[in-house]
Amino acid sequence: MEESKILEFGKLTFYDNYVVAVMNEGVNIGDKENETLIKVAEAHFSKPFIYITHRINSYSVDPNIYSKTAKLKNLTGFAVVSEGYMAKTNAQIERLFFNKPFEIFSTLDEAIEWTQTVLHI
């Protein structure tokens, strides 16, 4: 079952074992936004899940937020989906700040398929 939540800086779409985030054009994801994302994810998932960020729009992420994000108990992995070279390059840097499985994909379907591997379903 699919459920969506609109935030002031983006949209989250929840599925059984993963969430797909699409952030708004030009936003900066820092501590404040990350706290909101963590609270929403904790309220929704009581079992292991994967966070997929679908980078359709251009926005920035403070890589320091990943150390706090990684502490989310049920968060099993993180995926970045983008066709853009710059977004993929940024994701490679972000990966260094995250101590759980973190992969970069060109399509959403590839990321969703990966969630099954990481969650062993």
PDB file of N, CA and C in Angstrom:
ATOM      1  N   MET A   1       0.831  -1.183   0.000  1.00  0.00           N
ATOM      2  CA  MET A   1       0.000   0.000   0.000  1.00  0.00           C
ATOM      3  C   MET A   1       0.878   1.250   0.000  1.00  0.00           C
ATOM      4  N   GLU A   2       0.519   2.204  -0.807  1.00  0.00           N
ATOM      5  CA  GLU A   2       1.281   3.428  -0.983  1.00  0.00           C
ATOM      6  C   GLU A   2       0.621   4.564  -0.208  1.00  0.00           C
ATOM      7  N   GLU A   3       1.460   5.330   0.477  1.00  0.00           N
ATOM      8  CA  GLU A   3       0.973   6.485   1.235  1.00  0.00           C
ATOM      9  C   GLU A   3       1.972   7.621   1.047  1.00  0.00           C
ATOM     10  N   SER A   4       1.484   8.827   0.789  1.00  0.00           N
ATOM     11  CA  SER A   4       2.378   9.962   0.571  1.00  0.00           C
ATOM     12  C   SER A   4       2.244  10.997   1.673  1.00  0.00           C
ATOM     13  N   LYS A   5       3.346  11.697   1.905  1.00  0.00           N
ATOM     14  CA  LYS A   5       3.360  12.789   2.877  1.00  0.00           C
ATOM     15  C   LYS A   5       4.091  13.955   2.219  1.00  0.00           C
ATOM     16  N   ILE A   6       3.412  15.099   2.146  1.00  0.00           N
ATOM     17  CA  ILE A   6       4.000  16.305   1.574  1.00  0.00           C
ATOM     18  C   ILE A   6       4.622  17.121   2.710  1.00  0.00           C
ATOM     19  N   LEU A   7       5.894  17.448   2.547  1.00  0.00           N
ATOM     20  CA  LEU A   7       6.611  18.292   3.497  1.00  0.00           C
ATOM     21  C   LEU A   7       6.893  19.628   2.807  1.00  0.00           C
ATOM     22  N   GLU A   8       7.288  20.629   3.559  1.00  0.00           N
ATOM     23  CA  GLU A   8       7.539  21.933   2.937  1.00  0.00           C
ATOM     24  C   GLU A   8       8.741  21.897   1.996  1.00  0.00           C
ATOM     25  N   PHE A   9       9.603  20.888   2.122  1.00  0.00           N
ATOM     26  CA  PHE A   9      10.795  20.815   1.285  1.00  0.00           C
ATOM     27  C   PHE A   9      10.807  19.610   0.340  1.00  0.00           C
ATOM     28  N   GLY A  10       9.733  18.797   0.347  1.00  0.00           N
ATOM     29  CA  GLY A  10       9.701  17.657  -0.556  1.00  0.00           C
ATOM     30  C   GLY A  10       8.524  16.738  -0.278  1.00  0.00           C
ATOM     31  N   LYS A  11       8.524  15.613  -0.971  1.00  0.00           N
ATOM     32  CA  LYS A  11       7.445  14.638  -0.850  1.00  0.00           C
ATOM     33  C   LYS A  11       8.028  13.257  -0.553  1.00  0.00           C
ATOM     34  N   LEU A  12       7.416  12.558   0.399  1.00  0.00           N
ATOM     35  CA  LEU A  12       7.798  11.188   0.728  1.00  0.00           C
ATOM     36  C   LEU A  12       6.656  10.267   0.323  1.00  0.00           C
ATOM     37  N   THR A  13       6.993   9.192  -0.364  1.00  0.00           N
ATOM     38  CA  THR A  13       5.999   8.185  -0.712  1.00  0.00           C
ATOM     39  C   THR A  13       6.431   6.880  -0.068  1.00  0.00           C
ATOM     40  N   PHE A  14       5.586   6.390   0.826  1.00  0.00           N
ATOM     41  CA  PHE A  14       5.897   5.192   1.612  1.00  0.00           C
ATOM     42  C   PHE A  14       5.327   3.940   0.971  1.00  0.00           C
ATOM     43  N   TYR A  15       6.140   2.911   0.940  1.00  0.00           N
ATOM     44  CA  TYR A  15       5.735   1.586   0.490  1.00  0.00           C
ATOM     45  C   TYR A  15       5.987   0.629   1.650  1.00  0.00           C
ATOM     46  N   ASP A  16       5.778  -0.641   1.436  1.00  0.00           N
ATOM     47  CA  ASP A  16       5.890  -1.612   2.517  1.00  0.00           C
ATOM     48  C   ASP A  16       7.274  -1.618   3.178  1.00  0.00           C
ATOM     49  N   ASN A  17       8.337  -1.649   2.373  1.00  0.00           N
ATOM     50  CA  ASN A  17       9.697  -1.795   2.911  1.00  0.00           C
ATOM     51  C   ASN A  17      10.647  -0.659   2.541  1.00  0.00           C
ATOM     52  N   TYR A  18      10.131   0.373   1.898  1.00  0.00           N
ATOM     53  CA  TYR A  18      10.996   1.483   1.507  1.00  0.00           C
ATOM     54  C   TYR A  18      10.178   2.764   1.364  1.00  0.00           C
ATOM     55  N   VAL A  19      10.901   3.867   1.359  1.00  0.00           N
ATOM     56  CA  VAL A  19      10.292   5.172   1.139  1.00  0.00           C
ATOM     57  C   VAL A  19      11.055   5.845   0.005  1.00  0.00           C
ATOM     58  N   VAL A  20      10.323   6.524  -0.873  1.00  0.00           N
ATOM     59  CA  VAL A  20      10.934   7.273  -1.969  1.00  0.00           C
ATOM     60  C   VAL A  20      10.751   8.757  -1.666  1.00  0.00           C
ATOM     61  N   ALA A  21      11.855   9.468  -1.599  1.00  0.00           N
ATOM     62  CA  ALA A  21      11.833  10.904  -1.318  1.00  0.00           C
ATOM     63  C   ALA A  21      12.170  11.685  -2.581  1.00  0.00           C
ATOM     64  N   VAL A  22      11.369  12.695  -2.863  1.00  0.00           N
ATOM     65  CA  VAL A  22      11.648  13.626  -3.953  1.00  0.00           C
ATOM     66  C   VAL A  22      11.667  15.019  -3.329  1.00  0.00           C
ATOM     67  N   MET A  23      12.853  15.609  -3.281  1.00  0.00           N
ATOM     68  CA  MET A  23      12.991  16.926  -2.678  1.00  0.00           C
ATOM     69  C   MET A  23      12.694  18.017  -3.704  1.00  0.00           C
ATOM     70  N   ASN A  24      12.250  19.157  -3.207  1.00  0.00           N
ATOM     71  CA  ASN A  24      11.918  20.287  -4.067  1.00  0.00           C
ATOM     72  C   ASN A  24      13.178  20.911  -4.658  1.00  0.00           C
ATOM     73  N   GLU A  25      13.012  21.513  -5.817  1.00  0.00           N
ATOM     74  CA  GLU A  25      14.101  22.204  -6.501  1.00  0.00           C
ATOM     75  C   GLU A  25      14.697  23.281  -5.601  1.00  0.00           C
ATOM     76  N   GLY A  26      16.037  23.290  -5.501  1.00  0.00           N
ATOM     77  CA  GLY A  26      16.749  24.364  -4.827  1.00  0.00           C
ATOM     78  C   GLY A  26      16.817  24.315  -3.312  1.00  0.00           C
ATOM     79  N   VAL A  27      16.213  23.315  -2.658  1.00  0.00           N
ATOM     80  CA  VAL A  27      16.257  23.278  -1.201  1.00  0.00           C
ATOM     81  C   VAL A  27      17.629  22.812  -0.723  1.00  0.00           C
ATOM     82  N   ASN A  28      17.912  23.089   0.533  1.00  0.00           N
ATOM     83  CA  ASN A  28      19.115  22.576   1.184  1.00  0.00           C
ATOM     84  C   ASN A  28      18.655  21.653   2.302  1.00  0.00           C
ATOM     85  N   ILE A  29      19.073  20.410   2.262  1.00  0.00           N
ATOM     86  CA  ILE A  29      18.718  19.453   3.302  1.00  0.00           C
ATOM     87  C   ILE A  29      19.806  19.499   4.370  1.00  0.00           C
ATOM     88  N   GLY A  30      19.462  20.126   5.481  1.00  0.00           N
ATOM     89  CA  GLY A  30      20.381  20.267   6.603  1.00  0.00           C
ATOM     90  C   GLY A  30      19.794  19.616   7.839  1.00  0.00           C
ATOM     91  N   ASP A  31      20.252  20.038   9.007  1.00  0.00           N
ATOM     92  CA  ASP A  31      19.812  19.439  10.273  1.00  0.00           C
ATOM     93  C   ASP A  31      18.301  19.514  10.479  1.00  0.00           C
ATOM     94  N   LYS A  32      17.713  20.673  10.235  1.00  0.00           N
ATOM     95  CA  LYS A  32      16.274  20.851  10.472  1.00  0.00           C
ATOM     96  C   LYS A  32      15.446  19.896   9.607  1.00  0.00           C
ATOM     97  N   GLU A  33      15.755  19.860   8.322  1.00  0.00           N
ATOM     98  CA  GLU A  33      15.030  18.987   7.404  1.00  0.00           C
ATOM     99  C   GLU A  33      15.268  17.517   7.734  1.00  0.00           C
ATOM    100  N   ASN A  34      16.501  17.200   8.092  1.00  0.00           N
ATOM    101  CA  ASN A  34      16.827  15.823   8.443  1.00  0.00           C
ATOM    102  C   ASN A  34      16.066  15.362   9.684  1.00  0.00           C
ATOM    103  N   GLU A  35      15.941  16.232  10.665  1.00  0.00           N
ATOM    104  CA  GLU A  35      15.164  15.886  11.869  1.00  0.00           C
ATOM    105  C   GLU A  35      13.721  15.561  11.499  1.00  0.00           C
ATOM    106  N   THR A  36      13.155  16.346  10.592  1.00  0.00           N
ATOM    107  CA  THR A  36      11.785  16.092  10.137  1.00  0.00           C
ATOM    108  C   THR A  36      11.704  14.738   9.434  1.00  0.00           C
ATOM    109  N   LEU A  37      12.642  14.478   8.545  1.00  0.00           N
ATOM    110  CA  LEU A  37      12.653  13.200   7.822  1.00  0.00           C
ATOM    111  C   LEU A  37      12.775  12.018   8.779  1.00  0.00           C
ATOM    112  N   ILE A  38      13.630  12.138   9.782  1.00  0.00           N
ATOM    113  CA  ILE A  38      13.815  11.064  10.767  1.00  0.00           C
ATOM    114  C   ILE A  38      12.527  10.828  11.547  1.00  0.00           C
ATOM    115  N   LYS A  39      11.904  11.899  12.008  1.00  0.00           N
ATOM    116  CA  LYS A  39      10.657  11.757  12.777  1.00  0.00           C
ATOM    117  C   LYS A  39       9.559  11.092  11.957  1.00  0.00           C
ATOM    118  N   VAL A  40       9.420  11.500  10.709  1.00  0.00           N
ATOM    119  CA  VAL A  40       8.390  10.934   9.837  1.00  0.00           C
ATOM    120  C   VAL A  40       8.676   9.450   9.576  1.00  0.00           C
ATOM    121  N   ALA A  41       9.930   9.112   9.317  1.00  0.00           N
ATOM    122  CA  ALA A  41      10.301   7.720   9.054  1.00  0.00           C
ATOM    123  C   ALA A  41      10.091   6.856  10.294  1.00  0.00           C
ATOM    124  N   GLU A  42      10.481   7.361  11.454  1.00  0.00           N
ATOM    125  CA  GLU A  42      10.289   6.600  12.700  1.00  0.00           C
ATOM    126  C   GLU A  42       8.805   6.364  12.977  1.00  0.00           C
ATOM    127  N   ALA A  43       7.980   7.346  12.666  1.00  0.00           N
ATOM    128  CA  ALA A  43       6.539   7.204  12.896  1.00  0.00           C
ATOM    129  C   ALA A  43       5.917   6.197  11.933  1.00  0.00           C
ATOM    130  N   HIS A  44       6.502   6.065  10.751  1.00  0.00           N
ATOM    131  CA  HIS A  44       5.897   5.192   9.739  1.00  0.00           C
ATOM    132  C   HIS A  44       6.387   3.739   9.807  1.00  0.00           C
ATOM    133  N   PHE A  45       7.686   3.550  10.028  1.00  0.00           N
ATOM    134  CA  PHE A  45       8.270   2.207   9.952  1.00  0.00           C
ATOM    135  C   PHE A  45       8.583   1.639  11.333  1.00  0.00           C
ATOM    136  N   SER A  46       8.069   0.446  11.584  1.00  0.00           N
ATOM    137  CA  SER A  46       8.429  -0.274  12.810  1.00  0.00           C
ATOM    138  C   SER A  46       9.261  -1.498  12.461  1.00  0.00           C
ATOM    139  N   LYS A  47       9.628  -1.618  11.197  1.00  0.00           N
ATOM    140  CA  LYS A  47      10.443  -2.739  10.728  1.00  0.00           C
ATOM    141  C   LYS A  47      11.538  -2.177   9.815  1.00  0.00           C
ATOM    142  N   PRO A  48      12.515  -2.998   9.443  1.00  0.00           N
ATOM    143  CA  PRO A  48      13.597  -2.514   8.581  1.00  0.00           C
ATOM    144  C   PRO A  48      13.074  -1.948   7.259  1.00  0.00           C
ATOM    145  N   PHE A  49      13.708  -0.854   6.820  1.00  0.00           N
ATOM    146  CA  PHE A  49      13.319  -0.209   5.568  1.00  0.00           C
ATOM    147  C   PHE A  49      14.529   0.421   4.899  1.00  0.00           C
ATOM    148  N   ILE A  50      14.341   0.760   3.630  1.00  0.00           N
ATOM    149  CA  ILE A  50      15.359   1.441   2.827  1.00  0.00           C
ATOM    150  C   ILE A  50      14.840   2.833   2.464  1.00  0.00           C
ATOM    151  N   TYR A  51      15.721   3.816   2.532  1.00  0.00           N
ATOM    152  CA  TYR A  51      15.407   5.184   2.124  1.00  0.00           C
ATOM    153  C   TYR A  51      15.960   5.376   0.715  1.00  0.00           C
ATOM    154  N   ILE A  52      15.097   5.727  -0.224  1.00  0.00           N
ATOM    155  CA  ILE A  52      15.508   5.995  -1.606  1.00  0.00           C
ATOM    156  C   ILE A  52      15.255   7.462  -1.891  1.00  0.00           C
ATOM    157  N   THR A  53      16.298   8.179  -2.250  1.00  0.00           N
ATOM    158  CA  THR A  53      16.111   9.570  -2.650  1.00  0.00           C
ATOM    159  C   THR A  53      16.185   9.621  -4.171  1.00  0.00           C
ATOM    160  N   HIS A  54      15.088  10.027  -4.782  1.00  0.00           N
ATOM    161  CA  HIS A  54      14.989  10.121  -6.235  1.00  0.00           C
ATOM    162  C   HIS A  54      15.289  11.558  -6.610  1.00  0.00           C
ATOM    163  N   ARG A  55      16.490  11.796  -7.072  1.00  0.00           N
ATOM    164  CA  ARG A  55      16.973  13.160  -7.310  1.00  0.00           C
ATOM    165  C   ARG A  55      16.576  13.669  -8.682  1.00  0.00           C
ATOM    166  N   ILE A  56      15.290  13.940  -8.793  1.00  0.00           N
ATOM    167  CA  ILE A  56      14.729  14.508 -10.023  1.00  0.00           C
ATOM    168  C   ILE A  56      15.097  15.978 -10.112  1.00  0.00           C
ATOM    169  N   ASN A  57      15.027  16.666  -8.973  1.00  0.00           N
ATOM    170  CA  ASN A  57      15.326  18.097  -8.894  1.00  0.00           C
ATOM    171  C   ASN A  57      16.737  18.320  -8.379  1.00  0.00           C
ATOM    172  N   SER A  58      17.233  19.507  -8.596  1.00  0.00           N
ATOM    173  CA  SER A  58      18.554  19.881  -8.112  1.00  0.00           C
ATOM    174  C   SER A  58      18.417  20.500  -6.720  1.00  0.00           C
ATOM    175  N   TYR A  59      19.149  19.954  -5.761  1.00  0.00           N
ATOM    176  CA  TYR A  59      19.139  20.478  -4.395  1.00  0.00           C
ATOM    177  C   TYR A  59      20.424  20.060  -3.716  1.00  0.00           C
ATOM    178  N   SER A  60      20.699  20.621  -2.553  1.00  0.00           N
ATOM    179  CA  SER A  60      21.940  20.300  -1.852  1.00  0.00           C
ATOM    180  C   SER A  60      21.653  19.555  -0.555  1.00  0.00           C
ATOM    181  N   VAL A  61      22.642  18.781  -0.137  1.00  0.00           N
ATOM    182  CA  VAL A  61      22.551  18.000   1.092  1.00  0.00           C
ATOM    183  C   VAL A  61      23.815  18.239   1.898  1.00  0.00           C
ATOM    184  N   ASP A  62      23.652  18.563   3.169  1.00  0.00           N
ATOM    185  CA  ASP A  62      24.796  18.666   4.071  1.00  0.00           C
ATOM    186  C   ASP A  62      25.214  17.237   4.415  1.00  0.00           C
ATOM    187  N   PRO A  63      26.389  16.784   3.986  1.00  0.00           N
ATOM    188  CA  PRO A  63      26.773  15.389   4.220  1.00  0.00           C
ATOM    189  C   PRO A  63      26.897  15.030   5.710  1.00  0.00           C
ATOM    190  N   ASN A  64      27.036  16.022   6.555  1.00  0.00           N
ATOM    191  CA  ASN A  64      27.154  15.750   7.995  1.00  0.00           C
ATOM    192  C   ASN A  64      25.872  15.163   8.595  1.00  0.00           C
ATOM    193  N   ILE A  65      24.740  15.297   7.908  1.00  0.00           N
ATOM    194  CA  ILE A  65      23.490  14.751   8.445  1.00  0.00           C
ATOM    195  C   ILE A  65      23.486  13.227   8.431  1.00  0.00           C
ATOM    196  N   TYR A  66      24.321  12.616   7.591  1.00  0.00           N
ATOM    197  CA  TYR A  66      24.277  11.166   7.444  1.00  0.00           C
ATOM    198  C   TYR A  66      24.668  10.408   8.700  1.00  0.00           C
ATOM    199  N   SER A  67      25.540  10.960   9.514  1.00  0.00           N
ATOM    200  CA  SER A  67      25.909  10.263  10.752  1.00  0.00           C
ATOM    201  C   SER A  67      24.712  10.133  11.692  1.00  0.00           C
ATOM    202  N   LYS A  68      23.860  11.147  11.717  1.00  0.00           N
ATOM    203  CA  LYS A  68      22.643  11.098  12.531  1.00  0.00           C
ATOM    204  C   LYS A  68      21.600  10.182  11.873  1.00  0.00           C
ATOM    205  N   THR A  69      21.474  10.278  10.567  1.00  0.00           N
ATOM    206  CA  THR A  69      20.522   9.446   9.832  1.00  0.00           C
ATOM    207  C   THR A  69      20.847   7.967  10.016  1.00  0.00           C
ATOM    208  N   ALA A  70      22.126   7.632   9.992  1.00  0.00           N
ATOM    209  CA  ALA A  70      22.553   6.226  10.115  1.00  0.00           C
ATOM    210  C   ALA A  70      22.162   5.621  11.462  1.00  0.00           C
ATOM    211  N   LYS A  71      21.912   6.460  12.462  1.00  0.00           N
ATOM    212  CA  LYS A  71      21.528   5.960  13.787  1.00  0.00           C
ATOM    213  C   LYS A  71      20.069   5.528  13.856  1.00  0.00           C
ATOM    214  N   LEU A  72      19.297   5.826  12.800  1.00  0.00           N
ATOM    215  CA  LEU A  72      17.905   5.398  12.748  1.00  0.00           C
ATOM    216  C   LEU A  72      17.873   3.873  12.816  1.00  0.00           C
ATOM    217  N   LYS A  73      17.275   3.354  13.858  1.00  0.00           N
ATOM    218  CA  LYS A  73      17.325   1.929  14.167  1.00  0.00           C
ATOM    219  C   LYS A  73      16.864   1.034  13.016  1.00  0.00           C
ATOM    220  N   ASN A  74      15.747   1.343  12.396  1.00  0.00           N
ATOM    221  CA  ASN A  74      15.178   0.478  11.364  1.00  0.00           C
ATOM    222  C   ASN A  74      15.691   0.761   9.955  1.00  0.00           C
ATOM    223  N   LEU A  75      16.490   1.813   9.807  1.00  0.00           N
ATOM    224  CA  LEU A  75      17.022   2.143   8.485  1.00  0.00           C
ATOM    225  C   LEU A  75      18.130   1.160   8.132  1.00  0.00           C
ATOM    226  N   THR A  76      17.902   0.363   7.088  1.00  0.00           N
ATOM    227  CA  THR A  76      18.832  -0.695   6.716  1.00  0.00           C
ATOM    228  C   THR A  76      19.766  -0.271   5.594  1.00  0.00           C
ATOM    229  N   GLY A  77      19.334   0.654   4.753  1.00  0.00           N
ATOM    230  CA  GLY A  77      20.163   1.094   3.638  1.00  0.00           C
ATOM    231  C   GLY A  77      19.639   2.376   3.034  1.00  0.00           C
ATOM    232  N   PHE A  78      20.453   2.953   2.158  1.00  0.00           N
ATOM    233  CA  PHE A  78      20.159   4.246   1.553  1.00  0.00           C
ATOM    234  C   PHE A  78      20.516   4.169   0.074  1.00  0.00           C
ATOM    235  N   ALA A  79      19.614   4.631  -0.778  1.00  0.00           N
ATOM    236  CA  ALA A  79      19.868   4.626  -2.220  1.00  0.00           C
ATOM    237  C   ALA A  79      19.634   6.006  -2.805  1.00  0.00           C
ATOM    238  N   VAL A  80      20.500   6.383  -3.728  1.00  0.00           N
ATOM    239  CA  VAL A  80      20.353   7.622  -4.480  1.00  0.00           C
ATOM    240  C   VAL A  80      20.064   7.242  -5.929  1.00  0.00           C
ATOM    241  N   VAL A  81      19.011   7.832  -6.489  1.00  0.00           N
ATOM    242  CA  VAL A  81      18.651   7.590  -7.886  1.00  0.00           C
ATOM    243  C   VAL A  81      18.780   8.907  -8.640  1.00  0.00           C
ATOM    244  N   SER A  82      19.630   8.885  -9.669  1.00  0.00           N
ATOM    245  CA  SER A  82      19.787  10.078 -10.498  1.00  0.00           C
ATOM    246  C   SER A  82      20.430   9.692 -11.818  1.00  0.00           C
ATOM    247  N   GLU A  83      20.056  10.411 -12.851  1.00  0.00           N
ATOM    248  CA  GLU A  83      20.715  10.246 -14.141  1.00  0.00           C
ATOM    249  C   GLU A  83      21.820  11.290 -14.303  1.00  0.00           C
ATOM    250  N   GLY A  84      21.837  12.279 -13.413  1.00  0.00           N
ATOM    251  CA  GLY A  84      22.784  13.386 -13.534  1.00  0.00           C
ATOM    252  C   GLY A  84      24.160  13.068 -12.980  1.00  0.00           C
ATOM    253  N   TYR A  85      25.170  13.467 -13.726  1.00  0.00           N
ATOM    254  CA  TYR A  85      26.557  13.235 -13.324  1.00  0.00           C
ATOM    255  C   TYR A  85      26.868  13.910 -11.980  1.00  0.00           C
ATOM    256  N   MET A  86      26.462  15.169 -11.824  1.00  0.00           N
ATOM    257  CA  MET A  86      26.782  15.922 -10.602  1.00  0.00           C
ATOM    258  C   MET A  86      26.115  15.304  -9.380  1.00  0.00           C
ATOM    259  N   ALA A  87      24.861  14.903  -9.498  1.00  0.00           N
ATOM    260  CA  ALA A  87      24.158  14.276  -8.368  1.00  0.00           C
ATOM    261  C   ALA A  87      24.835  12.972  -7.976  1.00  0.00           C
ATOM    262  N   LYS A  88      25.286  12.217  -8.953  1.00  0.00           N
ATOM    263  CA  LYS A  88      25.984  10.953  -8.664  1.00  0.00           C
ATOM    264  C   LYS A  88      27.333  11.214  -7.999  1.00  0.00           C
ATOM    265  N   THR A  89      28.028  12.241  -8.459  1.00  0.00           N
ATOM    266  CA  THR A  89      29.316  12.608  -7.865  1.00  0.00           C
ATOM    267  C   THR A  89      29.125  13.045  -6.415  1.00  0.00           C
ATOM    268  N   ASN A  90      28.108  13.872  -6.171  1.00  0.00           N
ATOM    269  CA  ASN A  90      27.813  14.303  -4.804  1.00  0.00           C
ATOM    270  C   ASN A  90      27.459  13.114  -3.923  1.00  0.00           C
ATOM    271  N   ALA A  91      26.694  12.168  -4.471  1.00  0.00           N
ATOM    272  CA  ALA A  91      26.297  10.988  -3.709  1.00  0.00           C
ATOM    273  C   ALA A  91      27.510  10.137  -3.319  1.00  0.00           C
ATOM    274  N   GLN A  92      28.515  10.106  -4.175  1.00  0.00           N
ATOM    275  CA  GLN A  92      29.733   9.360  -3.836  1.00  0.00           C
ATOM    276  C   GLN A  92      30.422   9.962  -2.615  1.00  0.00           C
ATOM    277  N   ILE A  93      30.375  11.271  -2.490  1.00  0.00           N
ATOM    278  CA  ILE A  93      30.939  11.946  -1.313  1.00  0.00           C
ATOM    279  C   ILE A  93      30.054  11.675  -0.095  1.00  0.00           C
ATOM    280  N   GLU A  94      28.733  11.793  -0.276  1.00  0.00           N
ATOM    281  CA  GLU A  94      27.793  11.551   0.819  1.00  0.00           C
ATOM    282  C   GLU A  94      27.944  10.136   1.379  1.00  0.00           C
ATOM    283  N   ARG A  95      28.218   9.179   0.501  1.00  0.00           N
ATOM    284  CA  ARG A  95      28.378   7.779   0.897  1.00  0.00           C
ATOM    285  C   ARG A  95      29.457   7.618   1.986  1.00  0.00           C
ATOM    286  N   LEU A  96      30.481   8.458   1.946  1.00  0.00           N
ATOM    287  CA  LEU A  96      31.578   8.386   2.916  1.00  0.00           C
ATOM    288  C   LEU A  96      31.123   8.683   4.342  1.00  0.00           C
ATOM    289  N   PHE A  97      29.985   9.362   4.496  1.00  0.00           N
ATOM    290  CA  PHE A  97      29.483   9.770   5.801  1.00  0.00           C
ATOM    291  C   PHE A  97      28.434   8.810   6.358  1.00  0.00           C
ATOM    292  N   PHE A  98      28.156   7.726   5.653  1.00  0.00           N
ATOM    293  CA  PHE A  98      27.064   6.816   6.016  1.00  0.00           C
ATOM    294  C   PHE A  98      27.623   5.417   6.206  1.00  0.00           C
ATOM    295  N   ASN A  99      27.384   4.820   7.381  1.00  0.00           N
ATOM    296  CA  ASN A  99      28.013   3.538   7.699  1.00  0.00           C
ATOM    297  C   ASN A  99      27.106   2.321   7.518  1.00  0.00           C
ATOM    298  N   LYS A 100      26.133   2.448   6.623  1.00  0.00           N
ATOM    299  CA  LYS A 100      25.256   1.326   6.269  1.00  0.00           C
ATOM    300  C   LYS A 100      25.283   1.208   4.756  1.00  0.00           C
ATOM    301  N   PRO A 101      24.678   0.155   4.188  1.00  0.00           N
ATOM    302  CA  PRO A 101      24.667   0.048   2.728  1.00  0.00           C
ATOM    303  C   PRO A 101      24.141   1.325   2.070  1.00  0.00           C
ATOM    304  N   PHE A 102      24.873   1.805   1.075  1.00  0.00           N
ATOM    305  CA  PHE A 102      24.560   3.049   0.379  1.00  0.00           C
ATOM    306  C   PHE A 102      24.932   2.837  -1.085  1.00  0.00           C
ATOM    307  N   GLU A 103      23.948   2.871  -1.959  1.00  0.00           N
ATOM    308  CA  GLU A 103      24.208   2.633  -3.374  1.00  0.00           C
ATOM    309  C   GLU A 103      23.634   3.762  -4.231  1.00  0.00           C
ATOM    310  N   ILE A 104      24.177   3.875  -5.434  1.00  0.00           N
ATOM    311  CA  ILE A 104      23.777   4.913  -6.384  1.00  0.00           C
ATOM    312  C   ILE A 104      23.272   4.218  -7.647  1.00  0.00           C
ATOM    313  N   PHE A 105      22.100   4.643  -8.118  1.00  0.00           N
ATOM    314  CA  PHE A 105      21.464   4.012  -9.267  1.00  0.00           C
ATOM    315  C   PHE A 105      21.028   5.055 -10.286  1.00  0.00           C
ATOM    316  N   SER A 106      20.847   4.597 -11.527  1.00  0.00           N
ATOM    317  CA  SER A 106      20.358   5.473 -12.589  1.00  0.00           C
ATOM    318  C   SER A 106      18.843   5.453 -12.704  1.00  0.00           C
ATOM    319  N   THR A 107      18.215   4.357 -12.226  1.00  0.00           N
ATOM    320  CA  THR A 107      16.755   4.268 -12.323  1.00  0.00           C
ATOM    321  C   THR A 107      16.149   3.871 -10.981  1.00  0.00           C
ATOM    322  N   LEU A 108      14.914   4.278 -10.793  1.00  0.00           N
ATOM    323  CA  LEU A 108      14.182   3.935  -9.582  1.00  0.00           C
ATOM    324  C   LEU A 108      13.960   2.427  -9.495  1.00  0.00           C
ATOM    325  N   ASP A 109      13.691   1.787 -10.624  1.00  0.00           N
ATOM    326  CA  ASP A 109      13.491   0.330 -10.629  1.00  0.00           C
ATOM    327  C   ASP A 109      14.717  -0.413 -10.103  1.00  0.00           C
ATOM    328  N   GLU A 110      15.910   0.043 -10.476  1.00  0.00           N
ATOM    329  CA  GLU A 110      17.150  -0.593  -9.988  1.00  0.00           C
ATOM    330  C   GLU A 110      17.252  -0.455  -8.465  1.00  0.00           C
ATOM    331  N   ALA A 111      16.922   0.717  -7.954  1.00  0.00           N
ATOM    332  CA  ALA A 111      16.992   0.948  -6.510  1.00  0.00           C
ATOM    333  C   ALA A 111      15.983   0.084  -5.765  1.00  0.00           C
ATOM    334  N   ILE A 112      14.782  -0.023  -6.308  1.00  0.00           N
ATOM    335  CA  ILE A 112      13.748  -0.845  -5.667  1.00  0.00           C
ATOM    336  C   ILE A 112      14.169  -2.314  -5.653  1.00  0.00           C
ATOM    337  N   GLU A 113      14.753  -2.766  -6.750  1.00  0.00           N
ATOM    338  CA  GLU A 113      15.246  -4.149  -6.806  1.00  0.00           C
ATOM    339  C   GLU A 113      16.337  -4.379  -5.757  1.00  0.00           C
ATOM    340  N   TRP A 114      17.207  -3.397  -5.574  1.00  0.00           N
ATOM    341  CA  TRP A 114      18.277  -3.484  -4.583  1.00  0.00           C
ATOM    342  C   TRP A 114      17.720  -3.596  -3.163  1.00  0.00           C
ATOM    343  N   THR A 115      16.599  -2.925  -2.889  1.00  0.00           N
ATOM    344  CA  THR A 115      16.012  -2.986  -1.544  1.00  0.00           C
ATOM    345  C   THR A 115      15.706  -4.423  -1.164  1.00  0.00           C
ATOM    346  N   GLN A 116      15.254  -5.219  -2.127  1.00  0.00           N
ATOM    347  CA  GLN A 116      14.934  -6.619  -1.850  1.00  0.00           C
ATOM    348  C   GLN A 116      16.170  -7.408  -1.473  1.00  0.00           C
ATOM    349  N   THR A 117      17.305  -7.088  -2.102  1.00  0.00           N
ATOM    350  CA  THR A 117      18.561  -7.755  -1.790  1.00  0.00           C
ATOM    351  C   THR A 117      19.033  -7.397  -0.385  1.00  0.00           C
ATOM    352  N   VAL A 118      18.999  -6.123  -0.057  1.00  0.00           N
ATOM    353  CA  VAL A 118      19.476  -5.661   1.248  1.00  0.00           C
ATOM    354  C   VAL A 118      18.585  -6.158   2.372  1.00  0.00           C
ATOM    355  N   LEU A 119      17.279  -6.153   2.137  1.00  0.00           N
ATOM    356  CA  LEU A 119      16.326  -6.587   3.170  1.00  0.00           C
ATOM    357  C   LEU A 119      16.093  -8.088   3.164  1.00  0.00           C
ATOM    358  N   HIS A 120      16.707  -8.797   2.207  1.00  0.00           N
ATOM    359  CA  HIS A 120      16.572 -10.257   2.093  1.00  0.00           C
ATOM    360  C   HIS A 120      15.120 -10.704   1.969  1.00  0.00           C
ATOM    361  N   ILE A 121      14.388 -10.059   1.026  1.00  0.00           N
ATOM    362  CA  ILE A 121      12.994 -10.443   0.792  1.00  0.00           C
ATOM    363  C   ILE A 121      12.787 -10.900  -0.640  1.00  0.00           C
TER     364      ILE A 121
END
